[in-house]
Amino acid sequence: MLHTNATSFRKNLFSLLENAVKYNECININTKIGNAVVISEDEYNSMVETLKILSNPAMKEKVMKGKDTPLSECIDESEVQW
């Protein structure tokens, strides 16, 4: 995570936003009244999707079970039917 203050953020706005979008670089902006964080839309959407999945107890259980499943017990991706 990149840390900067509001003045530096304003001076380098375009390049910092470009880094957030291209490289998913999170930017912490320090101000006198508190801090703000800038993240890419892709990063934001990923976080929202993760929260949705993990807030559903059944889905969370499936994810945790899948995480603990050895790779040798998984089917090959070419066998998955979408």
PDB file of N, CA and C in Angstrom:
ATOM      1  N   MET A   1       0.846  -1.171   0.000  1.00  0.00           N
ATOM      2  CA  MET A   1       0.000   0.000   0.000  1.00  0.00           C
ATOM      3  C   MET A   1       0.892   1.235   0.000  1.00  0.00           C
ATOM      4  N   LEU A   2       0.564   2.154  -0.852  1.00  0.00           N
ATOM      5  CA  LEU A   2       1.293   3.412  -0.957  1.00  0.00           C
ATOM      6  C   LEU A   2       0.668   4.417  -0.002  1.00  0.00           C
ATOM      7  N   HIS A   3       1.489   5.131   0.746  1.00  0.00           N
ATOM      8  CA  HIS A   3       1.006   6.157   1.673  1.00  0.00           C
ATOM      9  C   HIS A   3       1.424   7.527   1.152  1.00  0.00           C
ATOM     10  N   THR A   4       0.480   8.460   1.166  1.00  0.00           N
ATOM     11  CA  THR A   4       0.765   9.815   0.707  1.00  0.00           C
ATOM     12  C   THR A   4      -0.137  10.782   1.470  1.00  0.00           C
ATOM     13  N   ASN A   5       0.136  12.066   1.338  1.00  0.00           N
ATOM     14  CA  ASN A   5      -0.761  13.062   1.934  1.00  0.00           C
ATOM     15  C   ASN A   5      -1.608  13.680   0.830  1.00  0.00           C
ATOM     16  N   ALA A   6      -2.592  14.460   1.242  1.00  0.00           N
ATOM     17  CA  ALA A   6      -3.547  15.008   0.276  1.00  0.00           C
ATOM     18  C   ALA A   6      -2.864  15.906  -0.749  1.00  0.00           C
ATOM     19  N   THR A   7      -1.883  16.695  -0.320  1.00  0.00           N
ATOM     20  CA  THR A   7      -1.187  17.598  -1.242  1.00  0.00           C
ATOM     21  C   THR A   7      -0.438  16.812  -2.310  1.00  0.00           C
ATOM     22  N   SER A   8       0.309  15.791  -1.889  1.00  0.00           N
ATOM     23  CA  SER A   8       1.039  14.964  -2.863  1.00  0.00           C
ATOM     24  C   SER A   8       0.080  14.196  -3.757  1.00  0.00           C
ATOM     25  N   PHE A   9      -1.017  13.727  -3.178  1.00  0.00           N
ATOM     26  CA  PHE A   9      -2.009  13.011  -3.984  1.00  0.00           C
ATOM     27  C   PHE A   9      -2.560  13.924  -5.073  1.00  0.00           C
ATOM     28  N   ARG A  10      -2.893  15.153  -4.696  1.00  0.00           N
ATOM     29  CA  ARG A  10      -3.437  16.106  -5.666  1.00  0.00           C
ATOM     30  C   ARG A  10      -2.421  16.396  -6.773  1.00  0.00           C
ATOM     31  N   LYS A  11      -1.148  16.569  -6.402  1.00  0.00           N
ATOM     32  CA  LYS A  11      -0.101  16.870  -7.388  1.00  0.00           C
ATOM     33  C   LYS A  11       0.118  15.711  -8.356  1.00  0.00           C
ATOM     34  N   ASN A  12      -0.027  14.482  -7.857  1.00  0.00           N
ATOM     35  CA  ASN A  12       0.274  13.285  -8.653  1.00  0.00           C
ATOM     36  C   ASN A  12      -0.971  12.467  -8.957  1.00  0.00           C
ATOM     37  N   LEU A  13      -2.104  13.117  -8.994  1.00  0.00           N
ATOM     38  CA  LEU A  13      -3.388  12.431  -9.113  1.00  0.00           C
ATOM     39  C   LEU A  13      -3.422  11.430 -10.270  1.00  0.00           C
ATOM     40  N   PHE A  14      -3.077  11.870 -11.474  1.00  0.00           N
ATOM     41  CA  PHE A  14      -3.206  10.989 -12.628  1.00  0.00           C
ATOM     42  C   PHE A  14      -2.320   9.761 -12.503  1.00  0.00           C
ATOM     43  N   SER A  15      -1.050   9.952 -12.158  1.00  0.00           N
ATOM     44  CA  SER A  15      -0.134   8.798 -12.095  1.00  0.00           C
ATOM     45  C   SER A  15      -0.525   7.857 -10.956  1.00  0.00           C
ATOM     46  N   LEU A  16      -0.998   8.389  -9.831  1.00  0.00           N
ATOM     47  CA  LEU A  16      -1.415   7.526  -8.729  1.00  0.00           C
ATOM     48  C   LEU A  16      -2.664   6.727  -9.101  1.00  0.00           C
ATOM     49  N   LEU A  17      -3.617   7.373  -9.758  1.00  0.00           N
ATOM     50  CA  LEU A  17      -4.814   6.655 -10.198  1.00  0.00           C
ATOM     51  C   LEU A  17      -4.457   5.601 -11.236  1.00  0.00           C
ATOM     52  N   GLU A  18      -3.531   5.924 -12.105  1.00  0.00           N
ATOM     53  CA  GLU A  18      -3.080   4.959 -13.116  1.00  0.00           C
ATOM     54  C   GLU A  18      -2.468   3.723 -12.439  1.00  0.00           C
ATOM     55  N   ASN A  19      -1.656   3.942 -11.398  1.00  0.00           N
ATOM     56  CA  ASN A  19      -1.070   2.816 -10.668  1.00  0.00           C
ATOM     57  C   ASN A  19      -2.150   1.994  -9.967  1.00  0.00           C
ATOM     58  N   ALA A  20      -3.158   2.659  -9.436  1.00  0.00           N
ATOM     59  CA  ALA A  20      -4.248   1.939  -8.772  1.00  0.00           C
ATOM     60  C   ALA A  20      -4.981   1.054  -9.776  1.00  0.00           C
ATOM     61  N   VAL A  21      -5.230   1.579 -10.959  1.00  0.00           N
ATOM     62  CA  VAL A  21      -5.979   0.831 -11.970  1.00  0.00           C
ATOM     63  C   VAL A  21      -5.126  -0.267 -12.611  1.00  0.00           C
ATOM     64  N   LYS A  22      -3.922   0.079 -13.037  1.00  0.00           N
ATOM     65  CA  LYS A  22      -3.079  -0.880 -13.764  1.00  0.00           C
ATOM     66  C   LYS A  22      -2.519  -1.976 -12.873  1.00  0.00           C
ATOM     67  N   TYR A  23      -2.119  -1.610 -11.654  1.00  0.00           N
ATOM     68  CA  TYR A  23      -1.371  -2.545 -10.811  1.00  0.00           C
ATOM     69  C   TYR A  23      -2.083  -2.889  -9.501  1.00  0.00           C
ATOM     70  N   ASN A  24      -3.353  -2.487  -9.382  1.00  0.00           N
ATOM     71  CA  ASN A  24      -4.118  -2.707  -8.141  1.00  0.00           C
ATOM     72  C   ASN A  24      -3.370  -2.201  -6.906  1.00  0.00           C
ATOM     73  N   GLU A  25      -2.681  -1.090  -7.075  1.00  0.00           N
ATOM     74  CA  GLU A  25      -1.956  -0.448  -5.977  1.00  0.00           C
ATOM     75  C   GLU A  25      -2.963   0.306  -5.112  1.00  0.00           C
ATOM     76  N   CYS A  26      -3.034  -0.041  -3.843  1.00  0.00           N
ATOM     77  CA  CYS A  26      -3.904   0.682  -2.912  1.00  0.00           C
ATOM     78  C   CYS A  26      -3.176   1.932  -2.453  1.00  0.00           C
ATOM     79  N   ILE A  27      -3.902   3.032  -2.352  1.00  0.00           N
ATOM     80  CA  ILE A  27      -3.299   4.308  -1.968  1.00  0.00           C
ATOM     81  C   ILE A  27      -3.975   4.808  -0.705  1.00  0.00           C
ATOM     82  N   ASN A  28      -3.188   4.997   0.350  1.00  0.00           N
ATOM     83  CA  ASN A  28      -3.678   5.543   1.605  1.00  0.00           C
ATOM     84  C   ASN A  28      -3.341   7.025   1.602  1.00  0.00           C
ATOM     85  N   ILE A  29      -4.372   7.864   1.709  1.00  0.00           N
ATOM     86  CA  ILE A  29      -4.185   9.305   1.683  1.00  0.00           C
ATOM     87  C   ILE A  29      -4.425   9.845   3.089  1.00  0.00           C
ATOM     88  N   ASN A  30      -3.381  10.426   3.673  1.00  0.00           N
ATOM     89  CA  ASN A  30      -3.455  10.974   5.021  1.00  0.00           C
ATOM     90  C   ASN A  30      -3.900  12.432   4.964  1.00  0.00           C
ATOM     91  N   THR A  31      -4.872  12.778   5.786  1.00  0.00           N
ATOM     92  CA  THR A  31      -5.301  14.168   5.905  1.00  0.00           C
ATOM     93  C   THR A  31      -5.365  14.532   7.381  1.00  0.00           C
ATOM     94  N   LYS A  32      -5.578  15.801   7.675  1.00  0.00           N
ATOM     95  CA  LYS A  32      -5.661  16.262   9.059  1.00  0.00           C
ATOM     96  C   LYS A  32      -6.877  15.690   9.773  1.00  0.00           C
ATOM     97  N   ILE A  33      -7.933  15.409   9.029  1.00  0.00           N
ATOM     98  CA  ILE A  33      -9.174  14.937   9.662  1.00  0.00           C
ATOM     99  C   ILE A  33      -9.341  13.426   9.613  1.00  0.00           C
ATOM    100  N   GLY A  34      -8.431  12.737   8.952  1.00  0.00           N
ATOM    101  CA  GLY A  34      -8.520  11.284   8.851  1.00  0.00           C
ATOM    102  C   GLY A  34      -7.900  10.799   7.555  1.00  0.00           C
ATOM    103  N   ASN A  35      -7.988   9.529   7.324  1.00  0.00           N
ATOM    104  CA  ASN A  35      -7.386   8.930   6.138  1.00  0.00           C
ATOM    105  C   ASN A  35      -8.453   8.420   5.179  1.00  0.00           C
ATOM    106  N   ALA A  36      -8.064   8.314   3.916  1.00  0.00           N
ATOM    107  CA  ALA A  36      -8.927   7.735   2.880  1.00  0.00           C
ATOM    108  C   ALA A  36      -8.092   6.746   2.088  1.00  0.00           C
ATOM    109  N   VAL A  37      -8.749   5.791   1.478  1.00  0.00           N
ATOM    110  CA  VAL A  37      -8.055   4.789   0.668  1.00  0.00           C
ATOM    111  C   VAL A  37      -8.657   4.796  -0.728  1.00  0.00           C
ATOM    112  N   VAL A  38      -7.797   4.781  -1.734  1.00  0.00           N
ATOM    113  CA  VAL A  38      -8.218   4.687  -3.129  1.00  0.00           C
ATOM    114  C   VAL A  38      -7.793   3.309  -3.636  1.00  0.00           C
ATOM    115  N   ILE A  39      -8.755   2.597  -4.229  1.00  0.00           N
ATOM    116  CA  ILE A  39      -8.477   1.292  -4.824  1.00  0.00           C
ATOM    117  C   ILE A  39      -9.105   1.252  -6.213  1.00  0.00           C
ATOM    118  N   SER A  40      -8.641   0.324  -7.031  1.00  0.00           N
ATOM    119  CA  SER A  40      -9.198   0.196  -8.373  1.00  0.00           C
ATOM    120  C   SER A  40     -10.615  -0.378  -8.299  1.00  0.00           C
ATOM    121  N   GLU A  41     -11.371  -0.175  -9.352  1.00  0.00           N
ATOM    122  CA  GLU A  41     -12.721  -0.734  -9.425  1.00  0.00           C
ATOM    123  C   GLU A  41     -12.669  -2.261  -9.387  1.00  0.00           C
ATOM    124  N   ASP A  42     -11.682  -2.850 -10.061  1.00  0.00           N
ATOM    125  CA  ASP A  42     -11.541  -4.316 -10.039  1.00  0.00           C
ATOM    126  C   ASP A  42     -11.311  -4.820  -8.623  1.00  0.00           C
ATOM    127  N   GLU A  43     -10.450  -4.134  -7.881  1.00  0.00           N
ATOM    128  CA  GLU A  43     -10.165  -4.524  -6.496  1.00  0.00           C
ATOM    129  C   GLU A  43     -11.420  -4.388  -5.637  1.00  0.00           C
ATOM    130  N   TYR A  44     -12.140  -3.292  -5.831  1.00  0.00           N
ATOM    131  CA  TYR A  44     -13.387  -3.067  -5.092  1.00  0.00           C
ATOM    132  C   TYR A  44     -14.405  -4.169  -5.394  1.00  0.00           C
ATOM    133  N   ASN A  45     -14.602  -4.473  -6.670  1.00  0.00           N
ATOM    134  CA  ASN A  45     -15.563  -5.515  -7.054  1.00  0.00           C
ATOM    135  C   ASN A  45     -15.174  -6.871  -6.480  1.00  0.00           C
ATOM    136  N   SER A  46     -13.884  -7.147  -6.457  1.00  0.00           N
ATOM    137  CA  SER A  46     -13.393  -8.400  -5.886  1.00  0.00           C
ATOM    138  C   SER A  46     -13.712  -8.479  -4.399  1.00  0.00           C
ATOM    139  N   MET A  47     -13.510  -7.391  -3.687  1.00  0.00           N
ATOM    140  CA  MET A  47     -13.795  -7.364  -2.246  1.00  0.00           C
ATOM    141  C   MET A  47     -15.290  -7.531  -1.980  1.00  0.00           C
ATOM    142  N   VAL A  48     -16.119  -6.872  -2.779  1.00  0.00           N
ATOM    143  CA  VAL A  48     -17.568  -6.992  -2.610  1.00  0.00           C
ATOM    144  C   VAL A  48     -18.022  -8.421  -2.862  1.00  0.00           C
ATOM    145  N   GLU A  49     -17.490  -9.049  -3.910  1.00  0.00           N
ATOM    146  CA  GLU A  49     -17.853 -10.433  -4.226  1.00  0.00           C
ATOM    147  C   GLU A  49     -17.422 -11.376  -3.102  1.00  0.00           C
ATOM    148  N   THR A  50     -16.234 -11.161  -2.570  1.00  0.00           N
ATOM    149  CA  THR A  50     -15.749 -11.978  -1.452  1.00  0.00           C
ATOM    150  C   THR A  50     -16.661 -11.825  -0.248  1.00  0.00           C
ATOM    151  N   LEU A  51     -17.061 -10.602   0.057  1.00  0.00           N
ATOM    152  CA  LEU A  51     -17.969 -10.374   1.190  1.00  0.00           C
ATOM    153  C   LEU A  51     -19.315 -11.057   0.981  1.00  0.00           C
ATOM    154  N   LYS A  52     -19.833 -11.001  -0.245  1.00  0.00           N
ATOM    155  CA  LYS A  52     -21.100 -11.669  -0.546  1.00  0.00           C
ATOM    156  C   LYS A  52     -20.996 -13.169  -0.325  1.00  0.00           C
ATOM    157  N   ILE A  53     -19.926 -13.759  -0.832  1.00  0.00           N
ATOM    158  CA  ILE A  53     -19.742 -15.208  -0.702  1.00  0.00           C
ATOM    159  C   ILE A  53     -19.582 -15.602   0.755  1.00  0.00           C
ATOM    160  N   LEU A  54     -18.738 -14.879   1.483  1.00  0.00           N
ATOM    161  CA  LEU A  54     -18.460 -15.255   2.860  1.00  0.00           C
ATOM    162  C   LEU A  54     -19.587 -14.903   3.826  1.00  0.00           C
ATOM    163  N   SER A  55     -20.519 -14.046   3.404  1.00  0.00           N
ATOM    164  CA  SER A  55     -21.651 -13.721   4.274  1.00  0.00           C
ATOM    165  C   SER A  55     -22.764 -14.768   4.167  1.00  0.00           C
ATOM    166  N   ASN A  56     -22.648 -15.653   3.177  1.00  0.00           N
ATOM    167  CA  ASN A  56     -23.594 -16.747   3.014  1.00  0.00           C
ATOM    168  C   ASN A  56     -22.972 -17.976   3.689  1.00  0.00           C
ATOM    169  N   PRO A  57     -23.536 -18.424   4.819  1.00  0.00           N
ATOM    170  CA  PRO A  57     -22.913 -19.524   5.562  1.00  0.00           C
ATOM    171  C   PRO A  57     -22.688 -20.795   4.734  1.00  0.00           C
ATOM    172  N   ALA A  58     -23.621 -21.134   3.869  1.00  0.00           N
ATOM    173  CA  ALA A  58     -23.469 -22.346   3.053  1.00  0.00           C
ATOM    174  C   ALA A  58     -22.315 -22.195   2.064  1.00  0.00           C
ATOM    175  N   MET A  59     -22.233 -21.035   1.430  1.00  0.00           N
ATOM    176  CA  MET A  59     -21.146 -20.789   0.484  1.00  0.00           C
ATOM    177  C   MET A  59     -19.805 -20.745   1.204  1.00  0.00           C
ATOM    178  N   LYS A  60     -19.788 -20.106   2.370  1.00  0.00           N
ATOM    179  CA  LYS A  60     -18.542 -20.027   3.136  1.00  0.00           C
ATOM    180  C   LYS A  60     -18.051 -21.432   3.479  1.00  0.00           C
ATOM    181  N   GLU A  61     -18.973 -22.306   3.876  1.00  0.00           N
ATOM    182  CA  GLU A  61     -18.604 -23.679   4.218  1.00  0.00           C
ATOM    183  C   GLU A  61     -18.020 -24.404   3.003  1.00  0.00           C
ATOM    184  N   LYS A  62     -18.636 -24.205   1.824  1.00  0.00           N
ATOM    185  CA  LYS A  62     -18.132 -24.838   0.606  1.00  0.00           C
ATOM    186  C   LYS A  62     -16.742 -24.327   0.252  1.00  0.00           C
ATOM    187  N   VAL A  63     -16.532 -23.031   0.402  1.00  0.00           N
ATOM    188  CA  VAL A  63     -15.221 -22.452   0.099  1.00  0.00           C
ATOM    189  C   VAL A  63     -14.171 -23.014   1.051  1.00  0.00           C
ATOM    190  N   MET A  64     -14.486 -23.068   2.335  1.00  0.00           N
ATOM    191  CA  MET A  64     -13.537 -23.579   3.324  1.00  0.00           C
ATOM    192  C   MET A  64     -13.237 -25.058   3.073  1.00  0.00           C
ATOM    193  N   LYS A  65     -14.267 -25.817   2.712  1.00  0.00           N
ATOM    194  CA  LYS A  65     -14.066 -27.234   2.415  1.00  0.00           C
ATOM    195  C   LYS A  65     -13.183 -27.387   1.179  1.00  0.00           C
ATOM    196  N   GLY A  66     -13.456 -26.598   0.160  1.00  0.00           N
ATOM    197  CA  GLY A  66     -12.665 -26.643  -1.064  1.00  0.00           C
ATOM    198  C   GLY A  66     -11.223 -26.240  -0.826  1.00  0.00           C
ATOM    199  N   LYS A  67     -11.031 -25.263   0.027  1.00  0.00           N
ATOM    200  CA  LYS A  67      -9.679 -24.795   0.341  1.00  0.00           C
ATOM    201  C   LYS A  67      -8.840 -25.897   0.984  1.00  0.00           C
ATOM    202  N   ASP A  68      -9.496 -26.743   1.767  1.00  0.00           N
ATOM    203  CA  ASP A  68      -8.792 -27.805   2.476  1.00  0.00           C
ATOM    204  C   ASP A  68      -8.722 -29.119   1.682  1.00  0.00           C
ATOM    205  N   THR A  69      -9.298 -29.136   0.482  1.00  0.00           N
ATOM    206  CA  THR A  69      -9.276 -30.342  -0.344  1.00  0.00           C
ATOM    207  C   THR A  69      -7.930 -30.458  -1.058  1.00  0.00           C
ATOM    208  N   PRO A  70      -7.250 -31.592  -0.915  1.00  0.00           N
ATOM    209  CA  PRO A  70      -5.974 -31.761  -1.617  1.00  0.00           C
ATOM    210  C   PRO A  70      -6.184 -31.691  -3.132  1.00  0.00           C
ATOM    211  N   LEU A  71      -5.218 -31.136  -3.809  1.00  0.00           N
ATOM    212  CA  LEU A  71      -5.289 -30.983  -5.260  1.00  0.00           C
ATOM    213  C   LEU A  71      -5.485 -32.325  -5.947  1.00  0.00           C
ATOM    214  N   SER A  72      -4.926 -33.366  -5.373  1.00  0.00           N
ATOM    215  CA  SER A  72      -5.038 -34.707  -5.973  1.00  0.00           C
ATOM    216  C   SER A  72      -6.482 -35.213  -5.991  1.00  0.00           C
ATOM    217  N   GLU A  73      -7.340 -34.658  -5.151  1.00  0.00           N
ATOM    218  CA  GLU A  73      -8.749 -35.067  -5.114  1.00  0.00           C
ATOM    219  C   GLU A  73      -9.642 -34.205  -6.000  1.00  0.00           C
ATOM    220  N   CYS A  74      -9.070 -33.195  -6.638  1.00  0.00           N
ATOM    221  CA  CYS A  74      -9.844 -32.288  -7.494  1.00  0.00           C
ATOM    222  C   CYS A  74      -9.857 -32.802  -8.928  1.00  0.00           C
ATOM    223  N   ILE A  75     -10.915 -32.463  -9.652  1.00  0.00           N
ATOM    224  CA  ILE A  75     -10.966 -32.831 -11.059  1.00  0.00           C
ATOM    225  C   ILE A  75     -10.194 -31.812 -11.879  1.00  0.00           C
ATOM    226  N   ASP A  76      -9.740 -32.206 -13.040  1.00  0.00           N
ATOM    227  CA  ASP A  76      -9.007 -31.317 -13.927  1.00  0.00           C
ATOM    228  C   ASP A  76      -9.953 -30.230 -14.441  1.00  0.00           C
ATOM    229  N   GLU A  77      -9.433 -29.037 -14.642  1.00  0.00           N
ATOM    230  CA  GLU A  77     -10.269 -27.924 -15.081  1.00  0.00           C
ATOM    231  C   GLU A  77     -10.932 -28.209 -16.436  1.00  0.00           C
ATOM    232  N   SER A  78     -10.303 -29.035 -17.275  1.00  0.00           N
ATOM    233  CA  SER A  78     -10.891 -29.349 -18.584  1.00  0.00           C
ATOM    234  C   SER A  78     -12.164 -30.190 -18.443  1.00  0.00           C
ATOM    235  N   GLU A  79     -12.355 -30.808 -17.268  1.00  0.00           N
ATOM    236  CA  GLU A  79     -13.546 -31.629 -17.035  1.00  0.00           C
ATOM    237  C   GLU A  79     -14.710 -30.818 -16.445  1.00  0.00           C
ATOM    238  N   VAL A  80     -14.457 -29.587 -16.072  1.00  0.00           N
ATOM    239  CA  VAL A  80     -15.517 -28.761 -15.477  1.00  0.00           C
ATOM    240  C   VAL A  80     -16.475 -28.307 -16.564  1.00  0.00           C
ATOM    241  N   GLN A  81     -17.760 -28.489 -16.308  1.00  0.00           N
ATOM    242  CA  GLN A  81     -18.785 -28.036 -17.256  1.00  0.00           C
ATOM    243  C   GLN A  81     -19.453 -26.806 -16.670  1.00  0.00           C
ATOM    244  N   TRP A  82     -19.382 -25.713 -17.414  1.00  0.00           N
ATOM    245  CA  TRP A  82     -19.953 -24.448 -16.941  1.00  0.00           C
ATOM    246  C   TRP A  82     -21.343 -24.281 -17.449  1.00  0.00           C
TER     247      TRP A  82
END
